[in-house]
């Protein structure tokens, strides 16, 4: 009878060569994992899954003394369009500010959406978060208090897959409706790394380690 180890090609290999072979296999697996994840990030960036929900959540972005940056404005415009089209009755704007800021990303978004005609009683603010995870976790806490778990998340296209993973981890039933902003290759690569690590470690744990 043939020896099973011979079939695996490991018979007679020294421990050092076995380690080299194991490292090579591990490296090949990591490359495949990253390539597959990159494809998933790219596909998610091209999809808009908006459906009738309980709330629209706009992830924060830079603001300049109360004026939204082009990235934040695109997200807010997307959210306003979803609200006008009747996808959800509530819009949540998120994001804190830097120590030297006179206002927050959320307050900037709130003012912008009010100017677009979204009523004050339809807006909610999350003003403490300094990372995507912190903002989404804080938003989840007060939305659940209102009985809201079905949400549409609005951010840049390349954020979609990571945001969905965070929402799943937080117990939100989320779909993505990305803003009309560019999707640079470097952003897809960065998101691939973030999603790959978040899936293994957990997005909340990863956020705590990085901040």
Protein backbone atom coordinates (compact mmCIF):
# COMPACT_ATOMS: atom_id res chain seq x y z
CA UNK A 1 0.00 0.00 0.00
CA UNK A 2 1.29 3.46 -0.91
CA UNK A 3 2.19 5.75 1.96
CA UNK A 4 -0.32 8.68 2.24
CA UNK A 5 2.45 11.17 2.98
CA UNK A 6 4.06 10.25 -0.31
CA UNK A 7 0.83 11.13 -2.10
CA UNK A 8 0.95 14.54 -0.51
CA UNK A 9 4.53 15.03 -1.64
CA UNK A 10 5.86 15.50 1.87
CA UNK A 11 7.65 12.18 2.41
CA UNK A 12 11.31 12.65 3.15
CA UNK A 13 11.07 16.45 3.48
CA UNK A 14 13.00 18.07 6.29
CA UNK A 15 11.09 20.17 8.85
CA UNK A 16 12.57 23.31 7.28
CA UNK A 17 11.29 22.40 3.83
CA UNK A 18 7.92 21.51 5.27
CA UNK A 19 7.72 24.99 6.82
CA UNK A 20 8.71 26.58 3.51
CA UNK A 21 6.03 24.60 1.71
CA UNK A 22 3.44 25.52 4.32
CA UNK A 23 4.39 29.20 4.09
CA UNK A 24 4.08 29.05 0.29
CA UNK A 25 0.62 27.51 0.53
CA UNK A 26 -0.43 30.07 3.11
CA UNK A 27 0.86 32.88 0.91
CA UNK A 28 -1.03 31.52 -2.11
CA UNK A 29 -4.21 31.33 -0.05
CA UNK A 30 -3.74 34.94 1.13
CA UNK A 31 -3.29 36.16 -2.44
CA UNK A 32 -6.44 34.36 -3.60
CA UNK A 33 -8.36 35.74 -0.60
CA UNK A 34 -7.28 39.30 -1.36
CA UNK A 35 -8.05 39.00 -5.07
CA UNK A 36 -11.54 37.63 -4.35
CA UNK A 37 -12.15 40.35 -1.76
CA UNK A 38 -11.01 43.04 -4.21
CA UNK A 39 -13.55 41.73 -6.72
CA UNK A 40 -16.28 41.84 -4.09
CA UNK A 41 -15.37 45.41 -3.11
CA UNK A 42 -15.45 46.46 -6.77
CA UNK A 43 -18.79 44.77 -7.47
CA UNK A 44 -20.35 46.29 -4.35
CA UNK A 45 -19.15 49.75 -5.43
CA UNK A 46 -21.20 49.45 -8.62
CA UNK A 47 -24.49 48.46 -6.96
CA UNK A 48 -27.34 50.58 -5.61
CA UNK A 49 -29.65 48.39 -3.54
CA UNK A 50 -31.96 51.11 -2.21
CA UNK A 51 -35.35 49.83 -1.12
CA UNK A 52 -38.10 51.20 1.14
CA UNK A 53 -36.63 51.35 4.65
CA UNK A 54 -37.14 53.03 7.99
CA UNK A 55 -34.24 55.49 7.81
CA UNK A 56 -31.46 56.80 5.58
CA UNK A 57 -28.06 57.10 7.26
CA UNK A 58 -25.48 59.44 5.72
CA UNK A 59 -21.90 58.70 6.69
CA UNK A 60 -19.93 61.83 7.50
CA UNK A 61 -17.10 63.38 5.49
CA UNK A 62 -15.04 66.54 5.64
CA UNK A 63 -16.66 69.92 6.20
CA UNK A 64 -15.06 73.35 6.03
CA UNK A 65 -16.41 75.68 8.70
CA UNK A 66 -19.97 74.58 8.04
CA UNK A 67 -19.64 74.07 4.30
CA UNK A 68 -19.76 70.46 3.13
CA UNK A 69 -16.83 69.19 1.10
CA UNK A 70 -17.65 67.91 -2.41
CA UNK A 71 -17.62 64.35 -1.05
CA UNK A 72 -20.03 65.17 1.78
CA UNK A 73 -22.25 67.22 -0.55
CA UNK A 74 -22.56 64.26 -2.94
CA UNK A 75 -23.60 62.00 -0.07
CA UNK A 76 -26.14 64.52 1.20
CA UNK A 77 -27.58 65.03 -2.29
CA UNK A 78 -27.98 61.26 -2.62
CA UNK A 79 -29.78 61.10 0.72
CA UNK A 80 -32.04 64.02 -0.17
CA UNK A 81 -33.00 62.30 -3.41
CA UNK A 82 -33.82 59.08 -1.58
CA UNK A 83 -35.93 61.02 0.93
CA UNK A 84 -37.82 62.91 -1.79
CA UNK A 85 -38.49 59.64 -3.62
CA UNK A 86 -40.08 58.19 -0.49
CA UNK A 87 -37.52 55.51 0.36
CA UNK A 88 -37.54 56.39 4.07
CA UNK A 89 -39.15 58.99 6.36
CA UNK A 90 -36.05 59.69 8.49
CA UNK A 91 -32.57 60.92 7.53
CA UNK A 92 -29.66 60.55 9.94
CA UNK A 93 -26.54 62.65 9.44
CA UNK A 94 -23.39 61.48 11.19
CA UNK A 95 -19.91 62.62 12.11
CA UNK A 96 -18.21 64.63 14.82
CA UNK A 97 -15.56 67.29 14.43
CA UNK A 98 -11.93 68.01 15.18
CA UNK A 99 -10.94 69.83 18.35
CA UNK A 100 -10.43 73.08 16.42
CA UNK A 101 -13.69 72.86 14.43
CA UNK A 102 -16.53 75.22 15.16
CA UNK A 103 -19.10 72.69 14.00
CA UNK A 104 -19.46 69.02 13.17
CA UNK A 105 -19.92 66.99 10.01
CA UNK A 106 -23.39 66.03 11.22
CA UNK A 107 -24.49 69.64 11.89
CA UNK A 108 -23.15 70.68 8.50
CA UNK A 109 -25.17 67.90 6.89
CA UNK A 110 -28.24 68.84 8.92
CA UNK A 111 -28.10 72.48 7.76
CA UNK A 112 -27.54 71.43 4.15
CA UNK A 113 -30.49 69.04 4.11
CA UNK A 114 -32.78 71.56 5.76
CA UNK A 115 -31.89 74.01 2.97
CA UNK A 116 -32.89 71.29 0.50
CA UNK A 117 -36.29 71.03 2.13
CA UNK A 118 -35.97 68.07 4.47
CA UNK A 119 -38.12 68.96 7.52
CA UNK A 120 -36.43 69.37 10.88
CA UNK A 121 -38.53 66.65 12.52
CA UNK A 122 -37.35 64.17 9.89
CA UNK A 123 -33.66 64.69 10.69
CA UNK A 124 -31.50 63.03 13.32
CA UNK A 125 -27.90 63.90 14.24
CA UNK A 126 -25.04 61.71 15.47
CA UNK A 127 -22.26 64.12 16.45
CA UNK A 128 -19.75 62.06 18.46
CA UNK A 129 -18.27 59.56 16.03
CA UNK A 130 -14.78 60.13 14.68
CA UNK A 131 -14.62 56.88 12.67
CA UNK A 132 -17.11 55.06 10.47
CA UNK A 133 -17.56 52.34 13.09
CA UNK A 134 -18.11 54.81 15.94
CA UNK A 135 -20.68 56.78 13.96
CA UNK A 136 -22.58 53.72 12.81
CA UNK A 137 -22.53 52.14 16.28
CA UNK A 138 -23.81 55.35 17.89
CA UNK A 139 -26.48 55.71 15.22
CA UNK A 140 -27.59 52.14 15.77
CA UNK A 141 -28.05 52.79 19.50
CA UNK A 142 -30.54 55.62 19.12
CA UNK A 143 -32.29 54.18 16.05
CA UNK A 144 -33.00 50.92 17.88
CA UNK A 145 -34.49 53.04 20.64
CA UNK A 146 -36.98 54.31 18.05
CA UNK A 147 -37.66 50.80 16.79
CA UNK A 148 -35.64 51.32 13.61
CA UNK A 149 -33.38 48.60 12.25
CA UNK A 150 -33.98 48.73 8.46
CA UNK A 151 -31.71 51.39 6.98
CA UNK A 152 -30.21 52.66 3.75
CA UNK A 153 -26.55 53.59 4.16
CA UNK A 154 -25.12 56.38 2.01
CA UNK A 155 -21.39 56.81 1.54
CA UNK A 156 -18.86 56.63 -1.30
CA UNK A 157 -19.20 53.61 -3.62
CA UNK A 158 -16.00 51.92 -2.50
CA UNK A 159 -17.22 51.93 1.14
CA UNK A 160 -20.25 49.76 0.37
CA UNK A 161 -18.94 46.31 1.21
CA UNK A 162 -17.23 47.39 4.43
CA UNK A 163 -20.31 49.33 5.56
CA UNK A 164 -22.51 46.31 4.95
CA UNK A 165 -20.16 44.20 7.03
CA UNK A 166 -20.23 46.73 9.86
CA UNK A 167 -24.01 46.95 9.74
CA UNK A 168 -24.30 43.16 9.91
CA UNK A 169 -21.98 43.10 12.92
CA UNK A 170 -24.08 45.76 14.65
CA UNK A 171 -27.38 44.02 13.92
CA UNK A 172 -28.72 46.50 11.37
CA UNK A 173 -30.63 45.34 8.31
CA UNK A 174 -28.88 47.58 5.80
CA UNK A 175 -28.75 48.18 2.07
CA UNK A 176 -26.37 50.49 0.24
CA UNK A 177 -27.10 53.50 -1.95
CA UNK A 178 -23.75 55.11 -2.74
CA UNK A 179 -23.24 58.70 -3.79
CA UNK A 180 -22.15 59.60 -7.31
CA UNK A 181 -18.46 60.02 -6.51
CA UNK A 182 -15.36 58.59 -8.22
CA UNK A 183 -13.93 55.22 -7.25
CA UNK A 184 -10.12 55.49 -7.46
CA UNK A 185 -8.12 52.29 -7.66
CA UNK A 186 -6.17 53.21 -4.53
CA UNK A 187 -9.44 53.48 -2.60
CA UNK A 188 -10.51 50.04 -3.78
CA UNK A 189 -7.15 48.64 -2.68
CA UNK A 190 -7.40 50.30 0.72
CA UNK A 191 -10.95 49.01 1.20
CA UNK A 192 -9.85 45.53 0.18
CA UNK A 193 -7.31 45.56 3.01
CA UNK A 194 -9.88 46.94 5.48
CA UNK A 195 -12.56 44.40 4.53
CA UNK A 196 -10.07 41.52 4.59
CA UNK A 197 -8.92 42.44 8.09
CA UNK A 198 -12.41 43.25 9.35
CA UNK A 199 -13.80 39.90 8.28
CA UNK A 200 -11.08 38.07 10.18
CA UNK A 201 -10.80 40.24 13.29
CA UNK A 202 -14.24 41.85 13.48
CA UNK A 203 -14.85 45.44 12.42
CA UNK A 204 -15.39 46.73 15.94
CA UNK A 205 -12.21 45.14 17.26
CA UNK A 206 -10.24 46.41 14.26
CA UNK A 207 -11.51 49.94 14.83
CA UNK A 208 -10.43 49.83 18.49
CA UNK A 209 -6.97 48.59 17.54
CA UNK A 210 -6.45 51.29 14.92
CA UNK A 211 -7.70 54.22 17.02
